[in-house]
N, C-alpha and C. Protein backbone atom coordinates (compact mmCIF):
# COMPACT_ATOMS: atom_id res chain seq x y z
N MET A 1 8.02 13.87 41.01
CA MET A 1 7.79 12.97 40.06
C MET A 1 7.34 11.44 39.99
N PRO A 2 6.51 11.07 39.73
CA PRO A 2 5.89 9.49 39.92
C PRO A 2 6.85 8.71 39.59
N ALA A 3 6.62 7.54 40.20
CA ALA A 3 7.99 6.70 39.45
C ALA A 3 7.38 6.40 37.98
N GLU A 4 6.65 6.22 37.86
CA GLU A 4 5.86 6.18 36.47
C GLU A 4 5.43 7.33 35.64
N ASP A 5 6.42 7.84 35.06
CA ASP A 5 5.65 9.41 34.61
C ASP A 5 5.12 9.08 33.17
N ILE A 6 3.87 9.42 32.84
CA ILE A 6 3.28 8.66 31.40
C ILE A 6 4.26 9.63 30.59
N PHE A 7 5.34 10.31 30.69
CA PHE A 7 6.20 10.57 29.46
C PHE A 7 7.34 9.59 29.55
N ASP A 8 7.53 9.09 30.11
CA ASP A 8 8.39 7.73 30.12
C ASP A 8 7.80 6.85 29.22
N VAL A 9 7.35 6.56 28.70
CA VAL A 9 6.42 5.02 27.93
C VAL A 9 6.07 6.13 26.50
N THR A 10 6.46 5.28 25.75
CA THR A 10 5.88 5.16 24.36
C THR A 10 5.26 4.38 24.41
N LYS A 11 3.81 4.06 23.66
CA LYS A 11 3.30 2.78 23.22
C LYS A 11 2.96 2.98 21.90
N ILE A 12 3.11 1.86 21.39
CA ILE A 12 3.03 1.37 19.53
C ILE A 12 2.32 -0.03 19.66
N ASN A 13 1.11 0.34 18.65
CA ASN A 13 0.15 -0.47 18.63
C ASN A 13 0.32 -1.23 17.14
N TYR A 14 1.32 -2.40 17.60
CA TYR A 14 2.03 -3.45 16.22
C TYR A 14 0.81 -4.13 15.31
N GLY A 15 -0.51 -4.26 16.03
CA GLY A 15 -1.03 -5.49 15.72
C GLY A 15 -1.97 -4.16 14.63
N GLY A 16 -1.88 -2.94 15.41
CA GLY A 16 -2.49 -1.79 14.23
C GLY A 16 -1.91 -1.46 12.64
N LEU A 17 -0.47 -2.19 12.97
CA LEU A 17 0.56 -1.53 12.12
C LEU A 17 0.46 -2.76 11.15
N ASP A 18 0.21 -4.01 11.86
CA ASP A 18 0.14 -5.15 10.77
C ASP A 18 -1.11 -5.10 10.37
N GLU A 19 -2.35 -4.45 10.70
CA GLU A 19 -3.59 -4.69 10.27
C GLU A 19 -3.85 -3.81 8.83
N GLY A 20 -2.64 -2.47 8.95
CA GLY A 20 -2.36 -1.33 7.93
C GLY A 20 -1.75 -2.24 7.24
N GLU A 21 -0.88 -3.09 7.13
CA GLU A 21 -0.04 -3.42 5.97
C GLU A 21 -1.07 -4.66 5.39
N VAL A 22 -1.58 -5.17 5.73
CA VAL A 22 -2.46 -6.09 5.44
C VAL A 22 -3.91 -5.81 4.48
N ALA A 23 -4.49 -4.11 5.52
CA ALA A 23 -5.37 -3.59 4.42
C ALA A 23 -4.83 -3.35 2.90
N PHE A 24 -3.52 -2.64 3.31
CA PHE A 24 -2.75 -2.45 1.90
C PHE A 24 -2.90 -2.88 0.81
N ALA A 25 -2.40 -4.30 1.46
CA ALA A 25 -2.14 -5.54 0.29
C ALA A 25 -3.10 -5.93 0.01
N LYS A 26 -4.73 -6.00 0.80
CA LYS A 26 -5.87 -6.38 0.05
C LYS A 26 -5.97 -5.29 -0.97
N ALA A 27 -5.87 -3.89 -0.53
CA ALA A 27 -6.49 -2.98 -1.54
C ALA A 27 -5.52 -2.91 -3.14
N TYR A 28 -4.12 -3.34 -2.91
CA TYR A 28 -3.53 -3.58 -4.01
C TYR A 28 -3.88 -4.76 -4.24
N ASN A 29 -4.51 -5.75 -4.68
CA ASN A 29 -4.37 -7.06 -4.79
C ASN A 29 -5.81 -6.85 -5.29
N ASP A 30 -7.07 -6.29 -4.83
CA ASP A 30 -8.35 -6.00 -5.34
C ASP A 30 -7.94 -4.93 -6.38
N MET A 31 -7.68 -4.19 -6.23
CA MET A 31 -7.16 -3.09 -7.29
C MET A 31 -7.06 -3.98 -9.06
N VAL A 32 -5.72 -4.55 -8.18
CA VAL A 32 -4.92 -5.26 -9.74
C VAL A 32 -6.13 -6.54 -10.17
N THR A 33 -6.38 -6.74 -9.45
CA THR A 33 -7.73 -7.90 -9.91
C THR A 33 -8.78 -6.97 -10.73
N VAL A 34 -9.11 -6.14 -10.01
CA VAL A 34 -10.87 -5.19 -10.76
C VAL A 34 -10.02 -4.76 -12.20
N LEU A 35 -8.79 -4.04 -12.31
CA LEU A 35 -8.19 -3.29 -13.44
C LEU A 35 -8.39 -4.34 -14.98
N ASP A 36 -7.28 -5.52 -13.87
CA ASP A 36 -7.00 -6.26 -14.76
C ASP A 36 -8.77 -6.97 -15.58
N GLN A 37 -9.77 -7.07 -14.59
CA GLN A 37 -10.82 -7.41 -15.49
C GLN A 37 -11.11 -6.31 -16.10
N LEU A 38 -11.69 -5.38 -15.54
CA LEU A 38 -11.90 -4.14 -16.72
C LEU A 38 -11.23 -4.11 -17.94
N GLU A 39 -10.04 -4.42 -17.97
CA GLU A 39 -9.33 -4.38 -19.18
C GLU A 39 -9.32 -5.65 -20.39
N ARG A 40 -9.66 -6.38 -19.40
CA ARG A 40 -10.59 -7.87 -20.33
C ARG A 40 -11.69 -7.16 -20.93
N ASP A 41 -12.73 -6.64 -19.93
CA ASP A 41 -14.14 -6.86 -20.93
C ASP A 41 -13.61 -5.80 -21.93
N LEU A 42 -12.84 -4.45 -21.40
CA LEU A 42 -13.24 -3.67 -22.24
C LEU A 42 -12.37 -4.01 -24.01
N LEU A 43 -11.33 -4.40 -23.93
CA LEU A 43 -10.53 -5.21 -24.29
C LEU A 43 -11.24 -5.96 -25.57
N ALA A 44 -12.57 -6.73 -25.05
CA ALA A 44 -13.08 -7.48 -25.74
C ALA A 44 -14.36 -7.00 -26.52
N LYS A 45 -14.41 -5.45 -25.99
CA LYS A 45 -15.55 -4.32 -26.30
C LYS A 45 -15.06 -3.83 -27.83
N SER A 46 -13.81 -3.68 -27.44
CA SER A 46 -12.84 -2.73 -28.14
C SER A 46 -12.37 -2.97 -29.20
N ALA A 47 -12.69 -4.60 -29.56
CA ALA A 47 -11.92 -5.45 -30.84
C ALA A 47 -12.64 -5.50 -32.53
N ILE A 48 -14.00 -4.78 -32.00
CA ILE A 48 -14.29 -4.36 -33.30
C ILE A 48 -14.19 -2.84 -34.00
N TRP A 49 -13.47 -2.19 -32.78
CA TRP A 49 -13.82 -0.36 -33.41
C TRP A 49 -12.29 -0.59 -34.34
N GLN A 50 -12.19 0.88 -35.41
CA GLN A 50 -11.53 0.65 -36.63
C GLN A 50 -10.82 2.31 -36.46
N GLY A 51 -10.43 2.63 -36.96
CA GLY A 51 -10.63 4.02 -37.62
C GLY A 51 -10.14 4.97 -36.37
N GLN A 52 -10.78 6.13 -36.46
CA GLN A 52 -10.48 7.13 -35.35
C GLN A 52 -10.99 6.44 -33.75
N ALA A 53 -11.74 5.93 -33.69
CA ALA A 53 -12.05 5.37 -32.61
C ALA A 53 -11.34 4.73 -32.14
N LYS A 54 -10.35 3.71 -32.71
CA LYS A 54 -9.33 2.79 -31.83
C LYS A 54 -8.13 3.49 -31.79
N THR A 55 -8.16 4.50 -32.91
CA THR A 55 -6.82 5.36 -32.45
C THR A 55 -7.17 6.19 -30.75
N VAL A 56 -7.85 6.83 -31.00
CA VAL A 56 -8.16 7.61 -29.48
C VAL A 56 -8.11 6.33 -28.54
N PHE A 57 -9.21 4.95 -28.94
CA PHE A 57 -8.97 4.19 -27.36
C PHE A 57 -7.61 3.94 -27.33
N ASP A 58 -6.48 3.64 -27.80
CA ASP A 58 -5.23 3.07 -27.96
C ASP A 58 -4.58 4.34 -27.65
N GLU A 59 -4.93 5.52 -27.51
CA GLU A 59 -4.33 6.31 -26.90
C GLU A 59 -4.74 6.75 -25.15
N VAL A 60 -5.78 6.67 -25.14
CA VAL A 60 -6.77 6.66 -23.47
C VAL A 60 -6.16 5.72 -23.09
N ARG A 61 -5.91 4.46 -23.38
CA ARG A 61 -5.10 3.21 -22.68
C ARG A 61 -4.35 3.14 -22.27
N GLN A 62 -3.47 4.48 -23.22
CA GLN A 62 -1.76 4.05 -22.38
C GLN A 62 -1.53 4.97 -21.77
N LEU A 63 -2.48 6.39 -21.50
CA LEU A 63 -2.61 7.06 -20.56
C LEU A 63 -3.00 6.59 -19.28
N TRP A 64 -4.06 5.65 -19.23
CA TRP A 64 -4.90 4.92 -18.26
C TRP A 64 -3.86 3.84 -17.85
N ASP A 65 -3.24 3.23 -18.25
CA ASP A 65 -2.48 1.94 -17.81
C ASP A 65 -1.19 2.85 -17.09
N ARG A 66 -0.76 3.78 -17.81
CA ARG A 66 0.15 4.30 -16.89
C ARG A 66 -0.32 5.31 -15.63
N GLU A 67 -1.58 5.37 -15.41
CA GLU A 67 -1.80 6.12 -14.45
C GLU A 67 -2.70 5.14 -13.51
N ALA A 68 -2.84 3.93 -13.70
CA ALA A 68 -3.20 2.58 -13.07
C ALA A 68 -1.81 2.10 -12.30
N ASN A 69 -0.69 1.89 -13.33
CA ASN A 69 0.78 1.65 -12.76
C ASN A 69 1.13 2.36 -11.84
N ASP A 70 1.36 3.75 -11.77
CA ASP A 70 1.34 4.75 -10.74
C ASP A 70 0.77 4.45 -9.64
N MET A 71 -0.78 4.50 -9.47
CA MET A 71 -1.33 4.37 -8.12
C MET A 71 -1.35 3.29 -7.81
N SER A 72 -0.74 1.65 -8.65
CA SER A 72 -0.82 0.47 -7.70
C SER A 72 0.53 0.35 -7.06
N GLN A 73 1.62 1.28 -7.75
CA GLN A 73 2.64 1.38 -7.27
C GLN A 73 3.07 2.38 -5.86
N PHE A 74 1.95 3.26 -5.97
CA PHE A 74 2.07 4.01 -4.56
C PHE A 74 0.91 3.33 -3.35
N ILE A 75 0.28 2.03 -3.67
CA ILE A 75 -0.30 1.68 -2.85
C ILE A 75 0.15 0.25 -2.32
N ASP A 76 1.09 -0.14 -3.21
CA ASP A 76 2.37 -1.43 -2.51
C ASP A 76 3.41 -0.73 -1.87
N LEU A 77 3.54 0.90 -1.95
CA LEU A 77 5.07 1.22 -1.11
C LEU A 77 4.10 1.90 -0.47
N MET A 78 2.70 2.00 0.20
CA MET A 78 2.36 2.11 1.42
C MET A 78 2.74 0.98 2.55
N LYS A 79 2.23 -0.26 1.58
CA LYS A 79 2.13 -1.29 2.24
C LYS A 79 3.94 -1.81 2.64
N GLN A 80 4.52 -1.34 2.28
CA GLN A 80 6.28 -1.69 2.23
C GLN A 80 6.52 -0.57 3.42
N ASN A 81 5.95 0.47 3.42
CA ASN A 81 6.63 1.75 4.49
C ASN A 81 6.07 1.58 5.54
N ILE A 82 4.75 0.72 5.76
CA ILE A 82 4.45 0.34 7.13
C ILE A 82 4.63 -0.93 7.53
N ASN A 83 5.09 -1.70 6.64
CA ASN A 83 6.72 -3.00 6.98
C ASN A 83 7.74 -2.50 7.64
N VAL A 84 8.39 -1.59 7.00
CA VAL A 84 9.38 -1.03 7.80
C VAL A 84 9.13 -0.36 8.74
N THR A 85 8.48 0.21 9.01
CA THR A 85 8.03 1.23 10.59
C THR A 85 7.67 0.33 11.25
N SER A 86 7.08 -0.50 10.96
CA SER A 86 6.85 -1.60 12.32
C SER A 86 8.19 -2.68 12.77
N LEU A 87 8.90 -2.44 11.48
CA LEU A 87 10.22 -3.20 12.04
C LEU A 87 10.94 -2.57 12.48
N ASN A 88 11.05 -1.28 12.37
CA ASN A 88 12.05 0.16 12.98
C ASN A 88 11.66 0.45 14.16
N MET A 89 10.33 0.21 14.81
CA MET A 89 9.95 0.36 15.85
C MET A 89 10.18 -0.81 17.03
N ARG A 90 10.11 -2.36 16.29
CA ARG A 90 10.38 -3.20 17.11
C ARG A 90 11.63 -3.11 17.51
N GLU A 91 12.80 -3.01 16.75
CA GLU A 91 14.04 -2.81 16.62
C GLU A 91 14.54 -1.69 17.99
N VAL A 92 13.60 -0.32 17.39
CA VAL A 92 13.85 0.85 18.61
C VAL A 92 13.59 0.32 19.82
N GLU A 93 12.27 -0.45 19.85
CA GLU A 93 11.50 -0.77 21.38
C GLU A 93 12.35 -1.82 21.94
N ARG A 94 13.23 -2.93 21.40
CA ARG A 94 14.18 -3.73 21.70
C ARG A 94 15.64 -3.26 22.47
N ILE A 95 15.86 -2.31 21.27
CA ILE A 95 17.14 -1.48 21.96
C ILE A 95 16.53 -0.64 23.48
N ASN A 96 15.91 0.38 23.19
CA ASN A 96 15.50 1.07 24.93
C ASN A 96 15.44 -0.43 25.72
N SER A 97 14.90 -0.66 25.95
CA SER A 97 14.19 -2.13 26.46
C SER A 97 15.93 -2.45 27.14
N MET A 98 16.85 -2.68 26.57
CA MET A 98 18.07 -2.79 26.89
C MET A 98 18.56 -1.77 27.62
N ILE A 99 18.33 -0.74 27.08
CA ILE A 99 19.23 0.41 27.83
C ILE A 99 18.62 1.08 29.07
N PHE A 100 17.38 0.45 29.17
CA PHE A 100 16.47 1.42 30.25
C PHE A 100 15.63 0.27 31.28
N ASP A 101 16.61 -1.07 31.06
CA ASP A 101 16.56 -2.03 32.07
C ASP A 101 14.94 -2.93 31.66
N GLY A 102 14.47 -2.89 30.69
CA GLY A 102 13.44 -3.31 30.22
C GLY A 102 12.01 -2.53 30.56
N ARG A 103 12.00 -0.91 30.80
CA ARG A 103 10.79 -0.86 31.27
C ARG A 103 10.37 -0.15 29.68
């Protein structure tokens, strides 16, 4: 068996993890910005609604707000999970390097 068996090495793309975290952070921020703008635009137009139209709008808006909040929490959680994975993998690599004499 060769001294450097390919199964003795685990390669981790930390740059890819960092890029993924940045991408999810950007997606989260972009989504919040777009949703905020959409809400401002819609509230400006809905200000004149009355009666049943206003009631239906308020009901649908509550659902929209819940779903948008759930989606933004999920995207933020993905960003956090990527960060935790990166930190954990760095720690595993550090410990393994000590155990296996830096290889």
